[in-house]
Amino acid sequence: MGERLLVYEFMPHGTLHDHLHEGLSSLNWSLRLKIAMQAGKGLEYLHNKVVPPIVHRDVKSSNILLDSDWGARIADFCLLAPNEKDLNQDMKDDIYNFGIVLLEILSGRKAYDRDCTPPSIVDWAVPHIRKGKAAALIDRFVALPRNVEPLLELADIVELTVRENPSERPDMSVVAASLEQLAKDGLIL
């Protein structure tokens, strides 16, 4: 008596991580952009629409669940009361980690892979993006779309989200709006 239960909708397509890294199934570019946009909107909702704001604190591809329509749902967030002093920094940490998820979506590579040099996806990708060579990041195991521009724009969004200085990272509402536009543009992939 007096027990509390969390009840979740069944997510038949598992996690984003399952599809990107565990061989569950390959995701085409339109679906990847849709998932990125919906996950971004979910994180924006937690940061900017809920009162008090919710900081996820564990954004990663295994915490993005996929429903029967391939809709993305952010899961497993921490329900700690936010410390007002640390709230902005914690949100910026979420944005950084979401940038890592976006890199996984773009490249198909794990966030950290000891078999790769360098093992950190951020350390590998950011120099390519800054040199204008973001095309080298695109997952080569998924057929290239006719128009790669939305994928290159995704790389530009990533570069902003994973900046070393948290104050240089955009607010999640900016990231979500950019991803929404990309998903619309991506329909012509």
N, C-alpha and C. Protein backbone atom coordinates (compact mmCIF):
# COMPACT_ATOMS: atom_id res chain seq x y z
N MET A 1 0.83 -1.17 0.00
CA MET A 1 0.00 0.00 0.00
C MET A 1 0.88 1.25 0.00
N GLY A 2 0.46 2.27 -0.70
CA GLY A 2 1.24 3.48 -0.77
C GLY A 2 2.43 3.38 -1.71
N GLU A 3 2.51 2.31 -2.50
CA GLU A 3 3.62 2.16 -3.44
C GLU A 3 3.41 3.04 -4.66
N ARG A 4 4.50 3.48 -5.22
CA ARG A 4 4.45 4.26 -6.45
C ARG A 4 5.07 3.43 -7.56
N LEU A 5 4.44 3.50 -8.70
CA LEU A 5 4.93 2.76 -9.86
C LEU A 5 5.12 3.70 -11.03
N LEU A 6 6.13 3.44 -11.80
CA LEU A 6 6.30 4.14 -13.07
C LEU A 6 5.84 3.18 -14.16
N VAL A 7 4.93 3.63 -14.99
CA VAL A 7 4.42 2.82 -16.08
C VAL A 7 4.82 3.48 -17.39
N TYR A 8 5.46 2.70 -18.22
CA TYR A 8 5.95 3.22 -19.50
C TYR A 8 5.25 2.53 -20.65
N GLU A 9 5.11 3.25 -21.74
CA GLU A 9 4.63 2.67 -22.98
C GLU A 9 5.69 1.69 -23.49
N PHE A 10 5.25 0.57 -24.06
CA PHE A 10 6.17 -0.39 -24.62
C PHE A 10 6.83 0.21 -25.87
N MET A 11 8.11 0.08 -25.97
CA MET A 11 8.88 0.62 -27.10
C MET A 11 9.40 -0.55 -27.94
N PRO A 12 8.62 -0.98 -28.93
CA PRO A 12 8.95 -2.20 -29.67
C PRO A 12 10.23 -2.14 -30.50
N HIS A 13 10.70 -0.95 -30.82
CA HIS A 13 11.92 -0.85 -31.64
C HIS A 13 13.18 -0.65 -30.80
N GLY A 14 13.06 -0.82 -29.49
CA GLY A 14 14.24 -0.77 -28.63
C GLY A 14 14.83 0.62 -28.52
N THR A 15 16.16 0.68 -28.52
CA THR A 15 16.85 1.95 -28.34
C THR A 15 17.59 2.35 -29.61
N LEU A 16 17.91 3.62 -29.69
CA LEU A 16 18.72 4.11 -30.79
C LEU A 16 20.06 3.38 -30.83
N HIS A 17 20.63 3.15 -29.67
CA HIS A 17 21.91 2.43 -29.57
C HIS A 17 21.81 1.05 -30.21
N ASP A 18 20.70 0.34 -29.97
CA ASP A 18 20.51 -0.99 -30.55
C ASP A 18 20.65 -0.96 -32.07
N HIS A 19 20.09 0.06 -32.69
CA HIS A 19 20.09 0.13 -34.15
C HIS A 19 21.41 0.65 -34.71
N LEU A 20 22.04 1.57 -34.01
CA LEU A 20 23.30 2.13 -34.50
C LEU A 20 24.49 1.21 -34.26
N HIS A 21 24.46 0.47 -33.14
CA HIS A 21 25.67 -0.23 -32.73
C HIS A 21 25.52 -1.73 -32.49
N GLU A 22 24.32 -2.22 -32.38
CA GLU A 22 24.14 -3.64 -32.06
C GLU A 22 23.57 -4.43 -33.23
N GLY A 23 23.46 -3.80 -34.39
CA GLY A 23 23.02 -4.50 -35.59
C GLY A 23 21.55 -4.89 -35.61
N LEU A 24 20.72 -4.24 -34.78
CA LEU A 24 19.30 -4.58 -34.76
C LEU A 24 18.68 -4.33 -36.13
N SER A 25 18.91 -3.18 -36.71
CA SER A 25 18.52 -2.87 -38.09
C SER A 25 19.18 -1.55 -38.46
N SER A 26 19.35 -1.36 -39.74
CA SER A 26 19.95 -0.12 -40.21
C SER A 26 18.88 0.95 -40.30
N LEU A 27 19.23 2.16 -39.95
CA LEU A 27 18.30 3.28 -40.03
C LEU A 27 18.69 4.15 -41.21
N ASN A 28 17.72 4.45 -42.09
CA ASN A 28 18.03 5.33 -43.22
C ASN A 28 18.17 6.76 -42.73
N TRP A 29 18.61 7.64 -43.62
CA TRP A 29 18.91 9.01 -43.21
C TRP A 29 17.67 9.79 -42.79
N SER A 30 16.56 9.60 -43.49
CA SER A 30 15.33 10.31 -43.10
C SER A 30 14.90 9.93 -41.69
N LEU A 31 14.99 8.64 -41.39
CA LEU A 31 14.62 8.17 -40.06
C LEU A 31 15.60 8.68 -39.00
N ARG A 32 16.88 8.70 -39.33
CA ARG A 32 17.87 9.22 -38.38
C ARG A 32 17.61 10.70 -38.07
N LEU A 33 17.29 11.47 -39.10
CA LEU A 33 17.02 12.89 -38.86
C LEU A 33 15.74 13.08 -38.06
N LYS A 34 14.74 12.24 -38.32
CA LYS A 34 13.49 12.30 -37.55
C LYS A 34 13.76 12.00 -36.07
N ILE A 35 14.55 10.97 -35.81
CA ILE A 35 14.88 10.59 -34.44
C ILE A 35 15.67 11.71 -33.76
N ALA A 36 16.63 12.29 -34.47
CA ALA A 36 17.41 13.39 -33.90
C ALA A 36 16.51 14.56 -33.54
N MET A 37 15.58 14.90 -34.45
CA MET A 37 14.68 16.02 -34.21
C MET A 37 13.77 15.74 -33.00
N GLN A 38 13.18 14.55 -32.95
CA GLN A 38 12.25 14.25 -31.87
C GLN A 38 12.97 14.16 -30.52
N ALA A 39 14.15 13.57 -30.50
CA ALA A 39 14.91 13.51 -29.25
C ALA A 39 15.30 14.92 -28.82
N GLY A 40 15.68 15.76 -29.78
CA GLY A 40 16.01 17.15 -29.46
C GLY A 40 14.82 17.90 -28.89
N LYS A 41 13.65 17.69 -29.46
CA LYS A 41 12.45 18.35 -28.95
C LYS A 41 12.10 17.83 -27.55
N GLY A 42 12.35 16.54 -27.31
CA GLY A 42 12.11 15.99 -25.98
C GLY A 42 13.02 16.61 -24.94
N LEU A 43 14.28 16.75 -25.28
CA LEU A 43 15.23 17.37 -24.35
C LEU A 43 14.91 18.85 -24.16
N GLU A 44 14.50 19.51 -25.23
CA GLU A 44 14.08 20.91 -25.11
C GLU A 44 12.89 21.03 -24.15
N TYR A 45 11.96 20.10 -24.25
CA TYR A 45 10.79 20.11 -23.37
C TYR A 45 11.23 20.00 -21.90
N LEU A 46 12.13 19.07 -21.62
CA LEU A 46 12.61 18.90 -20.25
C LEU A 46 13.31 20.16 -19.74
N HIS A 47 14.10 20.79 -20.59
CA HIS A 47 14.87 21.97 -20.18
C HIS A 47 14.03 23.24 -20.10
N ASN A 48 13.12 23.43 -21.06
CA ASN A 48 12.50 24.74 -21.22
C ASN A 48 10.99 24.80 -21.01
N LYS A 49 10.31 23.69 -21.00
CA LYS A 49 8.85 23.72 -20.91
C LYS A 49 8.32 23.21 -19.57
N VAL A 50 9.11 22.44 -18.86
CA VAL A 50 8.70 21.89 -17.57
C VAL A 50 9.11 22.85 -16.47
N VAL A 51 8.24 23.01 -15.48
CA VAL A 51 8.56 23.86 -14.33
C VAL A 51 8.47 23.01 -13.07
N PRO A 52 9.56 22.89 -12.31
CA PRO A 52 10.91 23.38 -12.62
C PRO A 52 11.54 22.56 -13.74
N PRO A 53 12.55 23.11 -14.38
CA PRO A 53 13.20 22.39 -15.48
C PRO A 53 13.77 21.06 -15.00
N ILE A 54 13.84 20.11 -15.92
CA ILE A 54 14.43 18.81 -15.63
C ILE A 54 15.72 18.69 -16.42
N VAL A 55 16.79 18.40 -15.71
CA VAL A 55 18.08 18.12 -16.35
C VAL A 55 18.19 16.61 -16.44
N HIS A 56 18.48 16.10 -17.61
CA HIS A 56 18.50 14.65 -17.82
C HIS A 56 19.66 13.99 -17.09
N ARG A 57 20.84 14.49 -17.28
CA ARG A 57 22.09 14.04 -16.66
C ARG A 57 22.64 12.71 -17.19
N ASP A 58 21.98 12.10 -18.17
CA ASP A 58 22.50 10.86 -18.74
C ASP A 58 22.04 10.69 -20.19
N VAL A 59 22.19 11.74 -20.98
CA VAL A 59 21.77 11.68 -22.38
C VAL A 59 22.76 10.80 -23.13
N LYS A 60 22.24 9.75 -23.73
CA LYS A 60 23.04 8.84 -24.55
C LYS A 60 22.10 8.03 -25.44
N SER A 61 22.66 7.41 -26.46
CA SER A 61 21.82 6.72 -27.45
C SER A 61 21.03 5.56 -26.85
N SER A 62 21.53 4.96 -25.78
CA SER A 62 20.78 3.86 -25.15
C SER A 62 19.61 4.37 -24.31
N ASN A 63 19.53 5.68 -24.10
CA ASN A 63 18.39 6.27 -23.38
C ASN A 63 17.42 6.97 -24.33
N ILE A 64 17.54 6.70 -25.60
CA ILE A 64 16.57 7.19 -26.58
C ILE A 64 15.82 5.96 -27.09
N LEU A 65 14.56 5.87 -26.68
CA LEU A 65 13.72 4.72 -27.02
C LEU A 65 12.94 5.01 -28.29
N LEU A 66 12.62 3.94 -29.03
CA LEU A 66 11.92 4.08 -30.31
C LEU A 66 10.59 3.34 -30.27
N ASP A 67 9.50 4.07 -30.50
CA ASP A 67 8.17 3.48 -30.42
C ASP A 67 7.80 2.76 -31.71
N SER A 68 6.56 2.32 -31.81
CA SER A 68 6.12 1.52 -32.97
C SER A 68 6.16 2.31 -34.28
N ASP A 69 6.10 3.63 -34.21
CA ASP A 69 6.19 4.47 -35.40
C ASP A 69 7.58 5.08 -35.57
N TRP A 70 8.56 4.53 -34.88
CA TRP A 70 9.93 5.02 -34.90
C TRP A 70 10.05 6.41 -34.30
N GLY A 71 9.10 6.77 -33.45
CA GLY A 71 9.19 8.03 -32.72
C GLY A 71 10.20 7.90 -31.60
N ALA A 72 10.94 8.95 -31.36
CA ALA A 72 11.99 8.94 -30.33
C ALA A 72 11.44 9.45 -29.01
N ARG A 73 11.82 8.78 -27.94
CA ARG A 73 11.44 9.19 -26.59
C ARG A 73 12.69 9.20 -25.71
N ILE A 74 12.87 10.30 -25.00
CA ILE A 74 13.98 10.40 -24.05
C ILE A 74 13.57 9.65 -22.79
N ALA A 75 14.43 8.78 -22.30
CA ALA A 75 14.10 7.98 -21.12
C ALA A 75 15.22 8.05 -20.09
N ASP A 76 14.91 7.57 -18.92
CA ASP A 76 15.88 7.36 -17.85
C ASP A 76 16.51 8.65 -17.34
N PHE A 77 15.70 9.73 -17.27
CA PHE A 77 16.25 10.97 -16.75
C PHE A 77 16.19 10.98 -15.23
N CYS A 78 17.04 11.76 -14.65
CA CYS A 78 17.21 11.85 -13.20
C CYS A 78 16.21 12.86 -12.65
N LEU A 79 15.50 12.48 -11.61
CA LEU A 79 14.50 13.38 -11.04
C LEU A 79 14.99 14.05 -9.76
N LEU A 80 16.24 14.44 -9.75
CA LEU A 80 16.77 15.20 -8.62
C LEU A 80 16.31 16.65 -8.73
N ALA A 81 16.08 17.25 -7.60
CA ALA A 81 15.74 18.68 -7.60
C ALA A 81 16.96 19.45 -8.11
N PRO A 82 16.76 20.30 -9.12
CA PRO A 82 17.92 21.02 -9.66
C PRO A 82 18.44 22.05 -8.67
N ASN A 83 19.75 22.12 -8.56
CA ASN A 83 20.40 23.15 -7.78
C ASN A 83 20.45 24.38 -8.69
N GLU A 84 19.78 25.44 -8.27
CA GLU A 84 19.66 26.64 -9.11
C GLU A 84 21.01 27.12 -9.61
N LYS A 85 22.02 27.04 -8.76
CA LYS A 85 23.36 27.51 -9.11
C LYS A 85 23.96 26.69 -10.25
N ASP A 86 23.69 25.40 -10.27
CA ASP A 86 24.29 24.50 -11.25
C ASP A 86 23.39 24.20 -12.44
N LEU A 87 22.16 24.72 -12.44
CA LEU A 87 21.18 24.36 -13.45
C LEU A 87 21.68 24.64 -14.87
N ASN A 88 22.19 25.83 -15.13
CA ASN A 88 22.65 26.17 -16.47
C ASN A 88 23.80 25.27 -16.90
N GLN A 89 24.75 25.03 -16.01
CA GLN A 89 25.88 24.15 -16.33
C GLN A 89 25.39 22.74 -16.63
N ASP A 90 24.46 22.25 -15.81
CA ASP A 90 23.93 20.90 -16.03
C ASP A 90 23.21 20.79 -17.37
N MET A 91 22.47 21.84 -17.74
CA MET A 91 21.79 21.84 -19.04
C MET A 91 22.82 21.84 -20.16
N LYS A 92 23.89 22.60 -20.00
CA LYS A 92 24.94 22.63 -21.01
C LYS A 92 25.63 21.26 -21.13
N ASP A 93 25.73 20.54 -20.01
CA ASP A 93 26.27 19.17 -20.05
C ASP A 93 25.34 18.26 -20.84
N ASP A 94 24.02 18.40 -20.63
CA ASP A 94 23.04 17.63 -21.41
C ASP A 94 23.21 17.93 -22.90
N ILE A 95 23.40 19.19 -23.24
CA ILE A 95 23.53 19.59 -24.64
C ILE A 95 24.80 18.98 -25.24
N TYR A 96 25.88 18.97 -24.50
CA TYR A 96 27.12 18.33 -24.96
C TYR A 96 26.87 16.84 -25.24
N ASN A 97 26.24 16.17 -24.28
CA ASN A 97 25.99 14.74 -24.45
C ASN A 97 25.02 14.47 -25.60
N PHE A 98 24.07 15.37 -25.81
CA PHE A 98 23.18 15.22 -26.95
C PHE A 98 23.97 15.39 -28.25
N GLY A 99 24.95 16.27 -28.26
CA GLY A 99 25.83 16.40 -29.42
C GLY A 99 26.55 15.11 -29.74
N ILE A 100 26.94 14.39 -28.71
CA ILE A 100 27.57 13.08 -28.91
C ILE A 100 26.58 12.12 -29.57
N VAL A 101 25.33 12.14 -29.11
CA VAL A 101 24.29 11.30 -29.74
C VAL A 101 24.14 11.67 -31.21
N LEU A 102 24.12 12.96 -31.50
CA LEU A 102 24.02 13.40 -32.89
C LEU A 102 25.20 12.90 -33.72
N LEU A 103 26.38 12.89 -33.13
CA LEU A 103 27.55 12.34 -33.84
C LEU A 103 27.38 10.85 -34.10
N GLU A 104 26.83 10.13 -33.14
CA GLU A 104 26.57 8.70 -33.35
C GLU A 104 25.60 8.51 -34.51
N ILE A 105 24.55 9.34 -34.55
CA ILE A 105 23.56 9.26 -35.63
C ILE A 105 24.23 9.55 -36.97
N LEU A 106 25.07 10.55 -37.02
CA LEU A 106 25.73 10.95 -38.27
C LEU A 106 26.75 9.92 -38.74
N SER A 107 27.53 9.40 -37.81
CA SER A 107 28.68 8.57 -38.19
C SER A 107 28.46 7.06 -38.04
N GLY A 108 27.52 6.68 -37.18
CA GLY A 108 27.36 5.26 -36.88
C GLY A 108 28.41 4.74 -35.91
N ARG A 109 29.28 5.61 -35.47
CA ARG A 109 30.35 5.23 -34.55
C ARG A 109 29.89 5.37 -33.10
N LYS A 110 30.43 4.53 -32.22
CA LYS A 110 30.12 4.62 -30.79
C LYS A 110 30.74 5.87 -30.18
N ALA A 111 30.15 6.32 -29.09
CA ALA A 111 30.66 7.51 -28.40
C ALA A 111 32.11 7.32 -27.97
N TYR A 112 32.43 6.12 -27.54
CA TYR A 112 33.81 5.81 -27.15
C TYR A 112 34.11 4.41 -27.64
N ASP A 113 35.15 4.26 -28.43
CA ASP A 113 35.49 2.96 -29.00
C ASP A 113 37.01 2.79 -28.94
N ARG A 114 37.45 1.89 -28.07
CA ARG A 114 38.89 1.66 -27.89
C ARG A 114 39.57 1.17 -29.16
N ASP A 115 38.79 0.61 -30.09
CA ASP A 115 39.38 0.11 -31.33
C ASP A 115 39.61 1.20 -32.37
N CYS A 116 39.20 2.42 -32.06
CA CYS A 116 39.36 3.54 -32.99
C CYS A 116 40.40 4.52 -32.46
N THR A 117 40.97 5.28 -33.37
CA THR A 117 41.94 6.30 -33.00
C THR A 117 41.47 7.64 -33.54
N PRO A 118 41.25 8.61 -32.69
CA PRO A 118 41.18 8.51 -31.24
C PRO A 118 39.89 7.80 -30.81
N PRO A 119 39.87 7.26 -29.60
CA PRO A 119 38.69 6.50 -29.15
C PRO A 119 37.45 7.36 -28.92
N SER A 120 37.61 8.62 -28.58
CA SER A 120 36.48 9.52 -28.34
C SER A 120 35.92 10.03 -29.67
N ILE A 121 34.61 9.87 -29.84
CA ILE A 121 33.97 10.32 -31.08
C ILE A 121 34.13 11.83 -31.27
N VAL A 122 34.11 12.59 -30.18
CA VAL A 122 34.26 14.04 -30.27
C VAL A 122 35.67 14.40 -30.74
N ASP A 123 36.68 13.77 -30.15
CA ASP A 123 38.06 14.05 -30.54
C ASP A 123 38.32 13.68 -32.00
N TRP A 124 37.62 12.68 -32.49
CA TRP A 124 37.76 12.25 -33.88
C TRP A 124 37.02 13.20 -34.84
N ALA A 125 35.80 13.58 -34.48
CA ALA A 125 34.92 14.29 -35.42
C ALA A 125 35.17 15.79 -35.52
N VAL A 126 35.38 16.44 -34.39
CA VAL A 126 35.45 17.91 -34.40
C VAL A 126 36.55 18.44 -35.32
N PRO A 127 37.75 17.87 -35.34
CA PRO A 127 38.75 18.38 -36.29
C PRO A 127 38.30 18.28 -37.75
N HIS A 128 37.60 17.20 -38.10
CA HIS A 128 37.08 17.07 -39.47
C HIS A 128 36.08 18.19 -39.78
N ILE A 129 35.18 18.44 -38.83
CA ILE A 129 34.15 19.46 -39.04
C ILE A 129 34.81 20.83 -39.20
N ARG A 130 35.74 21.14 -38.32
CA ARG A 130 36.39 22.46 -38.35
C ARG A 130 37.25 22.68 -39.59
N LYS A 131 37.72 21.59 -40.20
CA LYS A 131 38.51 21.69 -41.43
C LYS A 131 37.63 21.66 -42.67
N GLY A 132 36.29 21.63 -42.48
CA GLY A 132 35.38 21.58 -43.62
C GLY A 132 35.30 20.21 -44.27
N LYS A 133 35.66 19.17 -43.52
CA LYS A 133 35.66 17.81 -44.05
C LYS A 133 34.65 16.92 -43.33
N ALA A 134 33.48 17.49 -43.04
CA ALA A 134 32.44 16.75 -42.32
C ALA A 134 31.93 15.55 -43.11
N ALA A 135 32.06 15.58 -44.43
CA ALA A 135 31.60 14.45 -45.25
C ALA A 135 32.30 13.15 -44.85
N ALA A 136 33.52 13.26 -44.31
CA ALA A 136 34.26 12.08 -43.88
C ALA A 136 33.61 11.39 -42.68
N LEU A 137 32.70 12.08 -42.01
CA LEU A 137 32.05 11.53 -40.83
C LEU A 137 30.81 10.70 -41.16
N ILE A 138 30.26 10.89 -42.34
CA ILE A 138 28.97 10.27 -42.69
C ILE A 138 29.10 8.75 -42.70
N ASP A 139 28.17 8.10 -42.02
CA ASP A 139 28.14 6.64 -41.90
C ASP A 139 28.19 6.00 -43.28
N ARG A 140 29.26 5.30 -43.56
CA ARG A 140 29.45 4.71 -44.89
C ARG A 140 28.65 3.42 -45.08
N PHE A 141 28.01 2.93 -44.01
CA PHE A 141 27.21 1.71 -44.11
C PHE A 141 25.75 1.99 -44.44
N VAL A 142 25.42 3.25 -44.64
CA VAL A 142 24.08 3.65 -45.04
C VAL A 142 24.22 4.35 -46.39
N ALA A 143 23.35 3.99 -47.33
CA ALA A 143 23.43 4.58 -48.67
C ALA A 143 23.40 6.10 -48.59
N LEU A 144 24.32 6.72 -49.30
CA LEU A 144 24.37 8.18 -49.32
C LEU A 144 23.10 8.73 -49.96
N PRO A 145 22.54 9.76 -49.36
CA PRO A 145 21.37 10.38 -49.98
C PRO A 145 21.79 11.22 -51.19
N ARG A 146 20.81 11.55 -52.03
CA ARG A 146 21.10 12.41 -53.19
C ARG A 146 21.62 13.77 -52.73
N ASN A 147 21.06 14.25 -51.63
CA ASN A 147 21.45 15.56 -51.10
C ASN A 147 22.10 15.36 -49.73
N VAL A 148 23.40 15.54 -49.64
CA VAL A 148 24.09 15.35 -48.36
C VAL A 148 24.12 16.62 -47.52
N GLU A 149 23.63 17.72 -48.07
CA GLU A 149 23.70 19.01 -47.36
C GLU A 149 23.09 18.95 -45.96
N PRO A 150 21.89 18.34 -45.76
CA PRO A 150 21.36 18.27 -44.40
C PRO A 150 22.30 17.53 -43.43
N LEU A 151 23.03 16.55 -43.92
CA LEU A 151 23.97 15.83 -43.05
C LEU A 151 25.16 16.70 -42.69
N LEU A 152 25.61 17.51 -43.63
CA LEU A 152 26.71 18.44 -43.35
C LEU A 152 26.25 19.52 -42.37
N GLU A 153 24.99 19.94 -42.50
CA GLU A 153 24.43 20.91 -41.56
C GLU A 153 24.30 20.28 -40.17
N LEU A 154 23.98 18.99 -40.12
CA LEU A 154 23.93 18.29 -38.83
C LEU A 154 25.31 18.33 -38.17
N ALA A 155 26.35 18.15 -38.95
CA ALA A 155 27.71 18.23 -38.41
C ALA A 155 27.99 19.62 -37.84
N ASP A 156 27.49 20.65 -38.49
CA ASP A 156 27.67 22.02 -37.97
C ASP A 156 26.96 22.20 -36.63
N ILE A 157 25.77 21.63 -36.50
CA ILE A 157 25.04 21.68 -35.23
C ILE A 157 25.83 20.96 -34.15
N VAL A 158 26.36 19.80 -34.51
CA VAL A 158 27.17 19.02 -33.56
C VAL A 158 28.34 19.85 -33.05
N GLU A 159 29.02 20.53 -33.96
CA GLU A 159 30.21 21.29 -33.56
C GLU A 159 29.87 22.33 -32.50
N LEU A 160 28.69 22.92 -32.61
CA LEU A 160 28.26 23.90 -31.60
C LEU A 160 27.97 23.24 -30.26
N THR A 161 27.33 22.07 -30.30
CA THR A 161 26.90 21.43 -29.05
C THR A 161 28.05 20.83 -28.25
N VAL A 162 29.14 20.50 -28.91
CA VAL A 162 30.25 19.85 -28.19
C VAL A 162 31.42 20.80 -27.95
N ARG A 163 31.17 22.08 -28.02
CA ARG A 163 32.24 23.04 -27.73
C ARG A 163 32.75 22.84 -26.31
N GLU A 164 34.05 23.00 -26.16
CA GLU A 164 34.67 22.78 -24.86
C GLU A 164 34.15 23.75 -23.81
N ASN A 165 33.97 25.00 -24.19
CA ASN A 165 33.47 26.01 -23.27
C ASN A 165 31.94 25.94 -23.24
N PRO A 166 31.35 25.55 -22.10
CA PRO A 166 29.89 25.40 -22.04
C PRO A 166 29.12 26.66 -22.42
N SER A 167 29.67 27.83 -22.14
CA SER A 167 28.96 29.07 -22.47
C SER A 167 28.82 29.27 -23.98
N GLU A 168 29.63 28.57 -24.77
CA GLU A 168 29.56 28.68 -26.23
C GLU A 168 28.56 27.70 -26.84
N ARG A 169 28.02 26.80 -26.03
CA ARG A 169 27.03 25.84 -26.54
C ARG A 169 25.66 26.52 -26.60
N PRO A 170 24.89 26.24 -27.65
CA PRO A 170 23.57 26.87 -27.76
C PRO A 170 22.59 26.30 -26.75
N ASP A 171 21.52 27.03 -26.52
CA ASP A 171 20.41 26.56 -25.71
C ASP A 171 19.72 25.41 -26.47
N MET A 172 19.08 24.52 -25.74
CA MET A 172 18.44 23.38 -26.38
C MET A 172 17.33 23.80 -27.32
N SER A 173 16.69 24.94 -27.08
CA SER A 173 15.64 25.40 -28.00
C SER A 173 16.22 25.74 -29.37
N VAL A 174 17.43 26.27 -29.40
CA VAL A 174 18.10 26.58 -30.67
C VAL A 174 18.46 25.28 -31.39
N VAL A 175 18.98 24.31 -30.64
CA VAL A 175 19.34 23.02 -31.23
C VAL A 175 18.09 22.34 -31.79
N ALA A 176 17.01 22.32 -31.00
CA ALA A 176 15.77 21.66 -31.44
C ALA A 176 15.20 22.31 -32.69
N ALA A 177 15.20 23.64 -32.74
CA ALA A 177 14.68 24.34 -33.93
C ALA A 177 15.54 24.04 -35.16
N SER A 178 16.84 23.99 -34.98
CA SER A 178 17.74 23.67 -36.09
C SER A 178 17.49 22.25 -36.60
N LEU A 179 17.29 21.32 -35.67
CA LEU A 179 17.04 19.93 -36.06
C LEU A 179 15.69 19.78 -36.74
N GLU A 180 14.71 20.54 -36.27
CA GLU A 180 13.39 20.49 -36.91
C GLU A 180 13.49 20.96 -38.37
N GLN A 181 14.24 22.02 -38.59
CA GLN A 181 14.43 22.51 -39.96
C GLN A 181 15.19 21.48 -40.79
N LEU A 182 16.20 20.86 -40.20
CA LEU A 182 16.97 19.83 -40.90
C LEU A 182 16.09 18.65 -41.29
N ALA A 183 15.22 18.23 -40.37
CA ALA A 183 14.34 17.10 -40.66
C ALA A 183 13.42 17.44 -41.83
N LYS A 184 12.94 18.67 -41.88
CA LYS A 184 12.10 19.10 -43.01
C LYS A 184 12.92 19.09 -44.30
N ASP A 185 14.13 19.65 -44.24
CA ASP A 185 15.01 19.65 -45.41
C ASP A 185 15.39 18.23 -45.81
N GLY A 186 15.54 17.37 -44.80
CA GLY A 186 15.96 16.00 -45.02
C GLY A 186 14.93 15.15 -45.72
N LEU A 187 13.69 15.62 -45.80
CA LEU A 187 12.65 14.86 -46.49
C LEU A 187 12.97 14.70 -47.97
N ILE A 188 13.85 15.55 -48.48
CA ILE A 188 14.23 15.44 -49.88
C ILE A 188 15.50 14.61 -50.07
N LEU A 189 15.95 13.98 -49.00
CA LEU A 189 17.12 13.11 -49.11
C LEU A 189 16.82 12.05 -50.13
